[in-house]
Amino acid sequence: MNLLTPEQVKRAALTQGKAIRKLQDGGGLFLQVDSKAKGWRYRYRFAGKDSLLSLGAYPATSLDQARALAINCRALLSRGENPSEARRRARDEAWLEVSKTFGVVAVEYNATQVHKSAETRKRCERNYRYSGKLHNRTFSQIERPDILALCETRGRVTRETALRLGIYIGQVFTFARDKGYYKGVDPTIGGFGKSMTRILGSARSKHRPGLTNPEAVAGIMRLIDDCVWLGTSATVANALRILARTAVRPGELANAEWSEVDLDGAKHKGKPTWVIPIHRMKMRDANRTDHVVPLSRQAVEIFKAQHALTGHGKYVFPNERSDARPMTDTAMSAALIGLGYRDQHVPHGFRTTFKTFAHDVLKAESEIVERQLAHRVGSDVAGAYDRSQRLEERRALMQEYSDLLDRLRDG
């Protein structure tokens, strides 16, 4: 190989008429000279067939450049790849890179949401408009600071709007990668909750650990129910969704076992129920019993979705590192922080939300609310004689409360 010199290539004269001359450099590379031009060619054999690949015209492509291209072809062949096919793929990818701008792909993504609710479709259309500054850019031209700047602009309206826009942009990036339109680094990985907190500041609600404002509750329910969370597992997301609709303590939820959950109501007269054993309860004394948690229709649906993921194991919400251990409640805290709720809403705050709305909106009897929260009701002496948990009244309350959360979310 390397039989030619730069001087030989330069001095090679064009031929006359239809004559073609080939100056061999070795290893399949040669300079083809005809009456009009000089060009580099690479001859190789693939799948039992001889093939010829153009490597560029001389002098635009120098001898050293042609050799480097030939080396690349040999490397492809050594990996069992056809250099001609590799070039075709590269051209196709380059075309996709130019033609599939963010705006074009966003329209394609929105078209896949036609089966979703009217509210979801409207939200996609709205976020498409909000992302207008990215529409004419290719995905490789979009960097994380560009996205954050766009979200910051929307954040001046509401924090939720900013977070939703970031999530939407991430979904379009994921869609583009799944379709093969983009193979580069995804700048949306990790989400934008923490970044939004740094930019916009912490969203505070008068130092309360749980949201009690209807608009704020509507916002968090939309986030945890409707969105794909980047960097957050489906198990953690489902845990928060269940927590919102049962008002149990986070630790009790994190350690839940499938043996405790009766989704078809086989053990409870056909009514879906979750029984938390006394040994896992916060308050344990001689007058306490297992805590019976009635499940609303929405809670059952979420439990069933989770069962498809973890029903083969012991724990409803297993640890991401080992199915043999339960999830920690800090995983739920981290998810809420990731969504931008640091110092505003913690997992335990769903109990505050429930208590506030049960009293102020649903006008529920205080004793029923306290029993649902597994708080001690009355004196120890009274508790020894009254083991009633007012289950059916609590069942009606939790269905009414779940329906209320849905109305707020969809409103």
Protein backbone atom coordinates (compact mmCIF):
# COMPACT_ATOMS: atom_id res chain seq x y z
CA MET A 1 0.00 0.00 0.00
CA ASN A 2 0.92 3.72 -0.28
CA LEU A 3 2.41 3.17 -3.72
CA LEU A 4 1.63 6.68 -4.98
CA THR A 5 3.28 9.96 -4.09
CA PRO A 6 1.59 13.39 -4.04
CA GLU A 7 3.79 14.42 -6.97
CA GLN A 8 2.72 11.43 -9.08
CA VAL A 9 -0.92 12.19 -8.43
CA LYS A 10 -0.45 15.84 -9.31
CA ARG A 11 1.40 15.08 -12.57
CA ALA A 12 -0.99 12.41 -13.78
CA ALA A 13 -2.29 13.76 -17.09
CA LEU A 14 -5.87 13.46 -18.28
CA THR A 15 -6.41 10.86 -20.97
CA GLN A 16 -7.60 11.32 -24.54
CA GLY A 17 -11.04 10.30 -25.75
CA LYS A 18 -12.68 7.49 -23.79
CA ALA A 19 -9.49 6.06 -22.35
CA ILE A 20 -9.33 5.46 -18.58
CA ARG A 21 -6.14 5.01 -16.58
CA LYS A 22 -5.94 3.65 -13.02
CA LEU A 23 -3.04 4.50 -10.75
CA GLN A 24 -2.94 1.96 -7.92
CA ASP A 25 -2.07 3.04 -4.38
CA GLY A 26 -2.66 -0.48 -2.96
CA GLY A 27 -5.20 -2.06 -0.63
CA GLY A 28 -8.05 -1.38 -3.05
CA LEU A 29 -7.43 2.37 -3.39
CA PHE A 30 -6.62 3.84 -6.79
CA LEU A 31 -6.79 7.11 -8.72
CA GLN A 32 -9.00 6.88 -11.79
CA VAL A 33 -8.03 9.28 -14.59
CA ASP A 34 -10.15 9.98 -17.67
CA SER A 35 -10.41 12.81 -20.21
CA LYS A 36 -12.33 15.07 -17.87
CA ALA A 37 -11.16 14.53 -14.27
CA LYS A 38 -9.24 12.56 -11.68
CA GLY A 39 -11.11 10.75 -8.93
CA TRP A 40 -10.41 8.37 -6.05
CA ARG A 41 -11.98 4.95 -6.08
CA TYR A 42 -11.97 2.13 -3.56
CA ARG A 43 -12.47 -1.44 -4.77
CA TYR A 44 -13.56 -4.07 -2.28
CA ARG A 45 -15.35 -7.38 -1.99
CA PHE A 46 -18.41 -7.85 0.21
CA ALA A 47 -20.77 -10.82 0.50
CA GLY A 48 -18.98 -12.51 -2.40
CA LYS A 49 -19.43 -9.57 -4.77
CA ASP A 50 -16.97 -6.98 -6.09
CA SER A 51 -17.95 -3.38 -5.38
CA LEU A 52 -16.57 0.05 -6.22
CA LEU A 53 -16.95 3.16 -4.09
CA SER A 54 -16.14 6.74 -5.06
CA LEU A 55 -14.09 8.58 -2.44
CA GLY A 56 -14.06 12.02 -4.04
CA ALA A 57 -12.49 13.99 -6.86
CA TYR A 58 -8.89 15.17 -6.97
CA PRO A 59 -7.62 17.75 -5.97
CA ALA A 60 -10.61 18.48 -3.68
CA THR A 61 -9.76 15.18 -1.97
CA SER A 62 -6.01 14.85 -1.46
CA LEU A 63 -3.99 11.65 -1.44
CA ASP A 64 -3.82 11.64 2.38
CA GLN A 65 -7.57 12.22 2.67
CA ALA A 66 -8.30 9.41 0.22
CA ARG A 67 -6.09 7.06 2.21
CA ALA A 68 -7.89 8.00 5.42
CA LEU A 69 -11.25 7.28 3.76
CA ALA A 70 -9.93 3.93 2.52
CA ILE A 71 -8.77 3.05 6.03
CA ASN A 72 -12.29 3.80 7.28
CA CYS A 73 -13.74 1.51 4.60
CA ARG A 74 -11.43 -1.31 5.66
CA ALA A 75 -12.49 -0.82 9.28
CA LEU A 76 -16.14 -1.13 8.26
CA LEU A 77 -15.42 -4.31 6.32
CA SER A 78 -13.59 -5.79 9.30
CA ARG A 79 -16.79 -5.27 11.33
CA GLY A 80 -18.89 -6.95 8.67
CA GLU A 81 -20.37 -3.71 7.32
CA ASN A 82 -20.74 -2.69 3.69
CA PRO A 83 -19.03 0.71 3.11
CA SER A 84 -21.58 1.63 0.43
CA GLU A 85 -24.48 0.92 2.80
CA ALA A 86 -22.76 2.84 5.57
CA ARG A 87 -22.45 5.85 3.26
CA ARG A 88 -26.11 5.59 2.28
CA ARG A 89 -27.15 5.50 5.93
CA ALA A 90 -24.96 8.51 6.68
CA ARG A 91 -26.58 10.43 3.84
CA ASP A 92 -30.05 9.46 5.05
CA GLU A 93 -29.21 10.54 8.59
CA ALA A 94 -27.82 13.83 7.31
CA TRP A 95 -31.05 14.37 5.37
CA LEU A 96 -33.14 13.58 8.44
CA GLU A 97 -31.02 15.92 10.50
CA VAL A 98 -31.79 18.79 8.14
CA SER A 99 -35.40 17.98 7.28
CA LYS A 100 -36.67 16.80 10.66
CA THR A 101 -36.52 20.03 12.60
CA PHE A 102 -37.98 20.27 16.10
CA GLY A 103 -41.15 21.87 14.77
CA VAL A 104 -41.72 19.17 12.15
CA VAL A 105 -41.19 16.36 14.66
CA ALA A 106 -43.34 18.10 17.28
CA VAL A 107 -46.24 18.06 14.81
CA GLU A 108 -45.66 14.32 14.28
CA TYR A 109 -45.56 13.75 18.04
CA ASN A 110 -48.78 15.67 18.62
CA ALA A 111 -50.47 13.52 15.97
CA THR A 112 -49.74 10.44 18.10
CA GLN A 113 -51.77 11.93 20.94
CA VAL A 114 -55.10 11.89 19.12
CA HIS A 115 -56.37 9.03 21.30
CA LYS A 116 -55.69 11.00 24.48
CA SER A 117 -58.16 13.24 26.29
CA ALA A 118 -59.20 16.58 24.84
CA GLU A 119 -57.30 18.33 27.65
CA THR A 120 -54.09 16.47 26.82
CA ARG A 121 -54.43 17.33 23.13
CA LYS A 122 -54.99 20.99 23.96
CA ARG A 123 -51.96 20.93 26.22
CA CYS A 124 -49.79 19.52 23.42
CA GLU A 125 -51.02 22.21 21.03
CA ARG A 126 -50.36 24.88 23.64
CA ASN A 127 -46.83 23.66 24.34
CA TYR A 128 -46.20 23.43 20.60
CA ARG A 129 -46.94 27.16 20.37
CA TYR A 130 -44.80 27.91 23.42
CA SER A 131 -41.83 26.08 21.85
CA GLY A 132 -41.99 28.19 18.69
CA LYS A 133 -38.40 29.48 19.00
CA LEU A 134 -37.14 25.92 18.54
CA HIS A 135 -39.27 25.02 15.52
CA ASN A 136 -36.75 25.84 12.79
CA ARG A 137 -33.78 24.27 14.58
CA THR A 138 -32.47 20.76 14.11
CA PHE A 139 -32.19 18.68 17.26
CA SER A 140 -28.40 18.94 17.26
CA GLN A 141 -28.73 22.74 17.34
CA ILE A 142 -30.81 22.71 20.52
CA GLU A 143 -28.90 22.82 23.79
CA ARG A 144 -30.10 22.68 27.37
CA PRO A 145 -29.64 26.43 28.02
CA ASP A 146 -31.92 27.14 25.04
CA ILE A 147 -34.66 25.00 26.58
CA LEU A 148 -34.21 26.48 30.04
CA ALA A 149 -34.42 30.01 28.65
CA LEU A 150 -37.69 29.11 26.94
CA CYS A 151 -39.07 27.53 30.12
CA GLU A 152 -37.98 30.52 32.18
CA THR A 153 -40.06 32.78 29.94
CA ARG A 154 -43.15 30.64 30.59
CA GLY A 155 -42.23 30.44 34.27
CA ARG A 156 -43.06 34.11 34.59
CA VAL A 157 -46.66 33.02 34.08
CA THR A 158 -46.74 29.94 36.33
CA ARG A 159 -44.22 27.38 37.51
CA GLU A 160 -46.47 24.58 36.28
CA THR A 161 -46.48 26.02 32.75
CA ALA A 162 -42.67 26.09 32.73
CA LEU A 163 -42.40 22.51 33.97
CA ARG A 164 -44.96 21.25 31.50
CA LEU A 165 -43.14 22.91 28.60
CA GLY A 166 -39.88 21.28 29.67
CA ILE A 167 -41.57 17.90 29.91
CA TYR A 168 -43.17 18.38 26.49
CA ILE A 169 -39.84 19.24 24.85
CA GLY A 170 -38.35 16.14 26.47
CA GLN A 171 -41.16 14.00 25.06
CA VAL A 172 -40.51 15.35 21.56
CA PHE A 173 -36.79 14.57 21.93
CA THR A 174 -37.62 11.02 23.06
CA PHE A 175 -40.02 10.62 20.12
CA ALA A 176 -37.31 11.82 17.69
CA ARG A 177 -34.79 9.34 19.08
CA ASP A 178 -37.30 6.47 18.97
CA LYS A 179 -38.03 7.30 15.33
CA GLY A 180 -34.33 7.45 14.45
CA TYR A 181 -34.47 11.14 13.55
CA TYR A 182 -31.80 12.06 16.06
CA LYS A 183 -28.99 10.05 17.61
CA GLY A 184 -27.10 12.70 19.52
CA VAL A 185 -27.09 13.64 23.20
CA ASP A 186 -30.52 14.36 24.68
CA PRO A 187 -30.28 17.69 26.57
CA THR A 188 -33.57 17.03 28.37
CA ILE A 189 -32.33 14.01 30.34
CA GLY A 190 -32.83 14.55 34.06
CA GLY A 191 -35.81 16.86 33.66
CA PHE A 192 -35.93 20.54 34.56
CA GLY A 193 -37.46 20.67 38.04
CA LYS A 194 -34.21 21.39 39.89
CA SER A 195 -33.06 23.82 37.21
CA MET A 196 -36.37 25.68 37.38
CA THR A 197 -36.02 25.92 41.15
CA ARG A 198 -32.57 27.50 40.73
CA ILE A 199 -33.85 29.91 38.09
CA LEU A 200 -37.28 30.80 39.46
CA GLY A 201 -36.61 30.17 43.14
CA SER A 202 -38.39 27.71 45.40
CA ALA A 203 -42.16 27.66 45.15
CA ARG A 204 -43.32 28.15 48.69
CA SER A 205 -46.77 27.90 50.21
CA LYS A 206 -46.38 29.68 53.56
CA HIS A 207 -44.09 26.96 54.92
CA ARG A 208 -46.80 24.31 54.69
CA PRO A 209 -45.58 20.82 53.85
CA GLY A 210 -48.75 20.10 51.86
CA LEU A 211 -50.63 22.04 49.21
CA THR A 212 -54.07 23.29 50.22
CA ASN A 213 -54.85 25.82 47.49
CA PRO A 214 -57.21 24.33 44.86
CA GLU A 215 -55.21 25.71 41.93
CA ALA A 216 -51.95 24.40 43.36
CA VAL A 217 -53.48 20.97 44.01
CA ALA A 218 -54.85 20.94 40.47
CA GLY A 219 -51.36 21.67 39.19
CA ILE A 220 -49.60 18.91 41.09
CA MET A 221 -52.29 16.38 40.18
CA ARG A 222 -51.88 17.21 36.50
CA LEU A 223 -48.14 16.72 36.83
CA ILE A 224 -48.22 13.40 38.66
CA ASP A 225 -51.14 11.96 36.68
CA ASP A 226 -50.66 13.06 33.10
CA CYS A 227 -46.98 13.46 32.40
CA VAL A 228 -44.10 11.22 31.53
CA TRP A 229 -41.44 12.04 34.08
CA LEU A 230 -37.95 12.09 32.69
CA GLY A 231 -35.59 10.26 34.98
CA THR A 232 -38.38 9.02 37.28
CA SER A 233 -39.48 5.38 37.33
CA ALA A 234 -43.09 4.34 36.76
CA THR A 235 -43.05 2.75 40.22
CA VAL A 236 -42.25 6.04 41.96
CA ALA A 237 -44.85 7.85 39.86
CA ASN A 238 -47.53 5.30 40.72
CA ALA A 239 -46.59 5.50 44.38
CA LEU A 240 -47.29 9.24 44.42
CA ARG A 241 -50.56 8.73 42.57
CA ILE A 242 -51.69 6.17 45.17
CA LEU A 243 -50.48 8.37 48.01
CA ALA A 244 -52.63 11.24 46.75
CA ARG A 245 -55.76 9.05 46.70
CA THR A 246 -55.36 7.13 49.95
CA ALA A 247 -53.75 9.69 52.32
CA VAL A 248 -51.74 6.95 54.04
CA ARG A 249 -48.32 7.67 55.51
CA PRO A 250 -45.47 7.54 52.96
CA GLY A 251 -43.60 4.87 54.90
CA GLU A 252 -46.69 2.67 55.05
CA LEU A 253 -47.10 2.99 51.30
CA ALA A 254 -43.43 2.38 50.49
CA ASN A 255 -43.50 -0.92 52.42
CA ALA A 256 -46.82 -2.14 51.01
CA GLU A 257 -46.96 -5.83 50.05
CA TRP A 258 -49.21 -7.38 47.43
CA SER A 259 -50.59 -9.79 50.02
CA GLU A 260 -52.20 -6.80 51.76
CA VAL A 261 -54.04 -5.51 48.69
CA ASP A 262 -57.42 -6.97 47.71
CA LEU A 263 -58.18 -5.34 44.35
CA ASP A 264 -61.22 -7.43 43.46
CA GLY A 265 -62.68 -7.27 46.98
CA ALA A 266 -62.71 -11.06 47.37
CA LYS A 267 -62.07 -10.69 51.11
CA HIS A 268 -64.21 -7.60 51.61
CA LYS A 269 -67.63 -8.30 50.13
CA GLY A 270 -66.59 -7.35 46.61
CA LYS A 271 -65.15 -3.96 47.62
CA PRO A 272 -61.48 -3.24 46.84
CA THR A 273 -59.53 -2.76 50.03
CA TRP A 274 -55.97 -2.49 51.32
CA VAL A 275 -55.25 -3.66 54.86
CA ILE A 276 -52.12 -2.29 56.50
CA PRO A 277 -51.11 -4.65 59.35
CA ILE A 278 -50.72 -3.16 62.80
CA HIS A 279 -47.00 -3.95 62.96
CA ARG A 280 -46.39 -1.49 60.11
CA MET A 281 -48.45 1.33 61.59
CA LYS A 282 -46.95 4.41 63.21
CA MET A 283 -49.03 4.08 66.38
CA ARG A 284 -49.17 0.59 67.87
CA ASP A 285 -50.91 -0.17 71.16
CA ALA A 286 -53.32 -2.71 72.64
CA ASN A 287 -56.34 -0.76 71.45
CA ARG A 288 -55.22 -0.48 67.82
CA THR A 289 -56.07 -2.83 64.95
CA ASP A 290 -54.95 -3.24 61.36
CA HIS A 291 -55.71 -0.12 59.35
CA VAL A 292 -58.27 -0.85 56.64
CA VAL A 293 -57.92 1.48 53.65
CA PRO A 294 -60.88 1.61 51.24
CA LEU A 295 -59.76 2.00 47.64
CA SER A 296 -61.48 4.34 45.21
CA ARG A 297 -62.01 3.36 41.60
CA GLN A 298 -59.04 5.53 40.60
CA ALA A 299 -56.77 3.96 43.21
CA VAL A 300 -57.69 0.47 41.98
CA GLU A 301 -56.78 1.42 38.41
CA ILE A 302 -53.36 2.66 39.52
CA PHE A 303 -52.75 -0.43 41.66
CA LYS A 304 -53.60 -2.63 38.66
CA ALA A 305 -51.17 -0.71 36.46
CA GLN A 306 -48.50 -1.21 39.12
CA HIS A 307 -49.37 -4.90 39.42
CA ALA A 308 -48.45 -5.32 35.76
CA LEU A 309 -44.99 -4.05 36.68
CA THR A 310 -44.30 -5.67 40.06
CA GLY A 311 -47.09 -8.18 40.71
CA HIS A 312 -44.61 -11.04 40.40
CA GLY A 313 -42.81 -9.98 43.58
CA LYS A 314 -43.50 -9.35 47.25
CA TYR A 315 -43.55 -5.57 47.36
CA VAL A 316 -45.96 -3.30 45.53
CA PHE A 317 -43.25 -0.66 45.21
CA PRO A 318 -39.89 -2.46 45.24
CA ASN A 319 -36.52 -0.79 45.47
CA GLU A 320 -35.03 0.00 42.07
CA ARG A 321 -31.84 -1.84 43.00
CA SER A 322 -33.42 -4.99 44.39
CA ASP A 323 -36.94 -6.44 44.25
CA ALA A 324 -36.20 -8.06 47.62
CA ARG A 325 -36.37 -4.68 49.35
CA PRO A 326 -39.14 -2.04 49.39
CA MET A 327 -38.79 1.40 47.95
CA THR A 328 -37.72 4.14 50.35
CA ASP A 329 -40.07 7.06 50.90
CA THR A 330 -37.16 9.35 50.03
CA ALA A 331 -37.62 8.25 46.42
CA MET A 332 -41.00 9.96 46.45
CA SER A 333 -39.51 13.05 48.07
CA ALA A 334 -36.83 13.21 45.37
CA ALA A 335 -39.48 12.94 42.65
CA LEU A 336 -41.43 15.89 44.08
CA ILE A 337 -38.24 17.94 44.37
CA GLY A 338 -37.48 17.04 40.77
CA LEU A 339 -40.84 18.47 39.78
CA GLY A 340 -39.98 21.74 41.51
CA TYR A 341 -41.86 21.31 44.81
CA ARG A 342 -38.96 21.62 47.24
CA ASP A 343 -40.20 23.21 50.49
CA GLN A 344 -43.72 23.38 49.07
CA HIS A 345 -45.07 19.84 49.05
CA VAL A 346 -43.64 16.65 50.51
CA PRO A 347 -45.06 13.10 50.31
CA HIS A 348 -46.58 13.45 53.78
CA GLY A 349 -48.23 16.63 52.52
CA PHE A 350 -50.85 14.59 50.67
CA ARG A 351 -52.34 13.89 54.10
CA THR A 352 -52.55 17.63 54.75
CA THR A 353 -54.20 18.12 51.37
CA PHE A 354 -56.74 15.39 52.07
CA LYS A 355 -57.61 16.65 55.54
CA THR A 356 -58.08 20.22 54.31
CA PHE A 357 -60.29 19.32 51.36
CA ALA A 358 -62.26 16.68 53.27
CA HIS A 359 -63.20 19.26 55.89
CA ASP A 360 -63.46 22.46 53.85
CA VAL A 361 -64.81 21.21 50.52
CA LEU A 362 -66.48 17.85 51.15
CA LYS A 363 -67.70 18.84 54.64
CA ALA A 364 -66.84 15.38 55.98
CA GLU A 365 -67.35 14.49 59.62
CA SER A 366 -64.16 14.98 61.59
CA GLU A 367 -64.14 11.47 63.06
CA ILE A 368 -64.35 9.86 59.61
CA VAL A 369 -61.45 11.98 58.37
CA GLU A 370 -59.32 11.16 61.41
CA ARG A 371 -60.02 7.45 61.08
CA GLN A 372 -59.01 7.55 57.43
CA LEU A 373 -55.75 9.14 58.53
CA ALA A 374 -55.33 6.36 61.13
CA HIS A 375 -55.32 8.91 63.96
CA ARG A 376 -56.51 7.98 67.43
CA VAL A 377 -60.12 9.01 67.96
CA GLY A 378 -61.44 9.57 71.51
CA SER A 379 -59.87 8.37 74.75
CA ASP A 380 -57.94 5.14 75.24
CA VAL A 381 -60.89 3.76 77.27
CA ALA A 382 -63.33 4.54 74.48
CA GLY A 383 -60.96 2.97 71.99
CA ALA A 384 -60.92 -0.28 73.93
CA TYR A 385 -64.66 -0.65 73.47
CA ASP A 386 -65.03 0.84 69.98
CA ARG A 387 -63.08 -1.05 67.31
CA SER A 388 -65.34 0.32 64.55
CA GLN A 389 -63.50 1.97 61.69
CA ARG A 390 -66.63 3.38 59.99
CA LEU A 391 -65.35 1.72 56.85
CA GLU A 392 -68.30 2.25 54.53
CA GLU A 393 -68.50 5.93 55.34
CA ARG A 394 -64.77 6.25 54.71
CA ARG A 395 -65.15 4.31 51.46
CA ALA A 396 -67.73 6.82 50.24
CA LEU A 397 -65.51 9.71 51.35
CA MET A 398 -62.41 8.41 49.51
CA GLN A 399 -64.37 7.92 46.29
CA GLU A 400 -65.75 11.43 46.61
CA TYR A 401 -62.26 12.76 47.31
CA SER A 402 -60.70 10.93 44.33
CA ASP A 403 -63.42 12.32 42.10
CA LEU A 404 -62.68 15.79 43.45
CA LEU A 405 -58.98 15.42 42.62
CA ASP A 406 -59.93 14.39 39.08
CA ARG A 407 -62.18 17.42 38.67
CA LEU A 408 -59.45 19.75 39.87
CA ARG A 409 -56.90 18.07 37.59
CA ASP A 410 -59.15 18.29 34.53
CA GLY A 411 -60.55 21.71 35.26
